[in-house]
Amino acid sequence: MANLLQKLEIAKDFAQTAVDTTVSAVQNVHSVIADTSYNVLNNGGIDEDRLKTLKEKHDATTGQVYNAIRGVNQNLGQLASDYFESLEDSAHSADVMSKNNKSDNKTS
């Protein structure tokens, strides 16, 4: 059981890393696309101060969204780790109780 839980923990860590890496890549692409769009708009004669304000709001909002996704990923990973730990504890408790019962039966 412990070996299976260790493998599950490794798989969970791998999945968490993959999600985080993917979120970072998507955020970078999103940023490049947004920057390109704002540069095109800036060359089109739109008020620079207004455009700067919109870009700052956009960047702040998207940053919060991507950070929220990372937070959910972290929380799910922690929840899974806690669950695996409780399964290990339960398995250990069951083993100890089983050994104690066998020991009690031999002495009876």
Protein backbone atom coordinates (compact mmCIF):
# COMPACT_ATOMS: atom_id res chain seq x y z
CA MET A 1 0.00 0.00 0.00
CA ALA A 2 2.80 2.40 0.92
CA ASN A 3 4.50 1.81 -2.43
CA LEU A 4 1.28 2.63 -4.28
CA LEU A 5 0.78 5.80 -2.24
CA GLN A 6 4.37 6.87 -2.93
CA LYS A 7 3.76 6.40 -6.66
CA LEU A 8 0.53 8.38 -6.41
CA GLU A 9 2.35 11.18 -4.58
CA ILE A 10 5.01 11.28 -7.31
CA ALA A 11 2.30 11.35 -9.99
CA LYS A 12 0.51 14.14 -8.11
CA ASP A 13 3.73 16.17 -7.91
CA PHE A 14 4.33 15.64 -11.62
CA ALA A 15 0.79 16.74 -12.47
CA GLN A 16 1.10 19.82 -10.25
CA THR A 17 4.36 20.80 -11.93
CA ALA A 18 2.84 20.24 -15.36
CA VAL A 19 -0.17 22.42 -14.51
CA ASP A 20 2.05 25.18 -13.11
CA THR A 21 4.35 25.09 -16.14
CA THR A 22 1.38 25.16 -18.51
CA VAL A 23 -0.25 28.06 -16.67
CA SER A 24 3.01 30.02 -16.89
CA ALA A 25 3.32 29.29 -20.61
CA VAL A 26 -0.28 30.33 -21.29
CA GLN A 27 0.20 33.48 -19.22
CA ASN A 28 3.33 34.37 -21.20
CA VAL A 29 1.57 33.85 -24.53
CA HIS A 30 -1.42 35.84 -23.29
CA SER A 31 0.93 38.64 -22.26
CA VAL A 32 2.67 38.72 -25.63
CA ILE A 33 -0.66 38.83 -27.48
CA ALA A 34 -1.99 41.56 -25.19
CA ASP A 35 1.21 43.62 -25.51
CA THR A 36 1.06 43.32 -29.29
CA SER A 37 -2.56 44.44 -29.30
CA TYR A 38 -1.82 47.42 -27.09
CA ASN A 39 1.14 48.39 -29.27
CA VAL A 40 -1.06 48.30 -32.39
CA LEU A 41 -3.69 50.40 -30.64
CA ASN A 42 -1.03 52.81 -29.45
CA ASN A 43 0.09 53.38 -33.04
CA GLY A 44 -3.50 54.06 -34.04
CA GLY A 45 -3.72 57.45 -32.34
CA ILE A 46 -5.63 56.37 -29.23
CA ASP A 47 -5.06 58.43 -26.08
CA GLU A 48 -1.85 57.02 -24.56
CA ASP A 49 -2.84 57.68 -20.94
CA ARG A 50 -6.16 55.90 -21.37
CA LEU A 51 -4.51 53.03 -23.18
CA LYS A 52 -1.86 52.74 -20.44
CA THR A 53 -4.58 52.65 -17.78
CA LEU A 54 -6.47 49.94 -19.66
CA LYS A 55 -3.31 47.87 -20.10
CA GLU A 56 -2.46 48.16 -16.40
CA LYS A 57 -5.98 47.05 -15.44
CA HIS A 58 -5.79 44.19 -17.93
CA ASP A 59 -2.39 43.05 -16.65
CA ALA A 60 -3.49 43.24 -13.01
CA THR A 61 -6.69 41.31 -13.69
CA THR A 62 -5.05 38.58 -15.73
CA GLY A 63 -2.29 38.30 -13.13
CA GLN A 64 -4.91 37.70 -10.46
CA VAL A 65 -6.63 35.06 -12.60
CA TYR A 66 -3.41 33.15 -13.29
CA ASN A 67 -2.37 33.40 -9.63
CA ALA A 68 -5.79 32.06 -8.61
CA ILE A 69 -5.30 29.08 -10.94
CA ARG A 70 -1.89 28.45 -9.39
CA GLY A 71 -3.44 28.72 -5.93
CA VAL A 72 -6.11 26.16 -6.77
CA ASN A 73 -3.40 23.87 -8.14
CA GLN A 74 -1.41 24.22 -4.90
CA ASN A 75 -4.47 23.65 -2.72
CA LEU A 76 -5.54 20.56 -4.67
CA GLY A 77 -2.02 19.19 -4.40
CA GLN A 78 -1.97 19.77 -0.65
CA LEU A 79 -5.40 18.18 -0.30
CA ALA A 80 -4.21 15.11 -2.22
CA SER A 81 -1.04 14.89 -0.11
CA ASP A 82 -3.09 15.11 3.07
CA TYR A 83 -5.41 12.39 1.79
CA PHE A 84 -2.49 10.11 0.89
CA GLU A 85 -1.02 10.70 4.35
CA SER A 86 -4.30 9.77 6.03
CA LEU A 87 -4.45 6.58 3.95
CA GLU A 88 -0.90 5.72 5.02
CA ASP A 89 -1.81 6.39 8.65
CA SER A 90 -4.92 4.23 8.34
CA ALA A 91 -2.96 1.40 6.74
CA HIS A 92 -0.33 1.62 9.47
CA SER A 93 -3.01 1.60 12.18
CA ALA A 94 -4.67 -1.43 10.58
CA ASP A 95 -1.33 -3.27 10.48
CA VAL A 96 -0.62 -2.50 14.14
CA MET A 97 -4.11 -3.57 15.20
CA SER A 98 -3.82 -6.77 13.17
CA LYS A 99 -0.46 -7.61 14.77
CA ASN A 100 -1.84 -6.85 18.21
CA ASN A 101 -4.84 -9.10 17.60
CA LYS A 102 -2.59 -11.93 16.43
CA SER A 103 -0.39 -11.41 19.48
CA ASP A 104 -3.44 -11.42 21.79
CA ASN A 105 -4.76 -14.61 20.20
CA LYS A 106 -1.43 -16.41 20.73
CA THR A 107 -1.33 -15.53 24.42
CA SER A 108 -4.94 -16.60 25.03
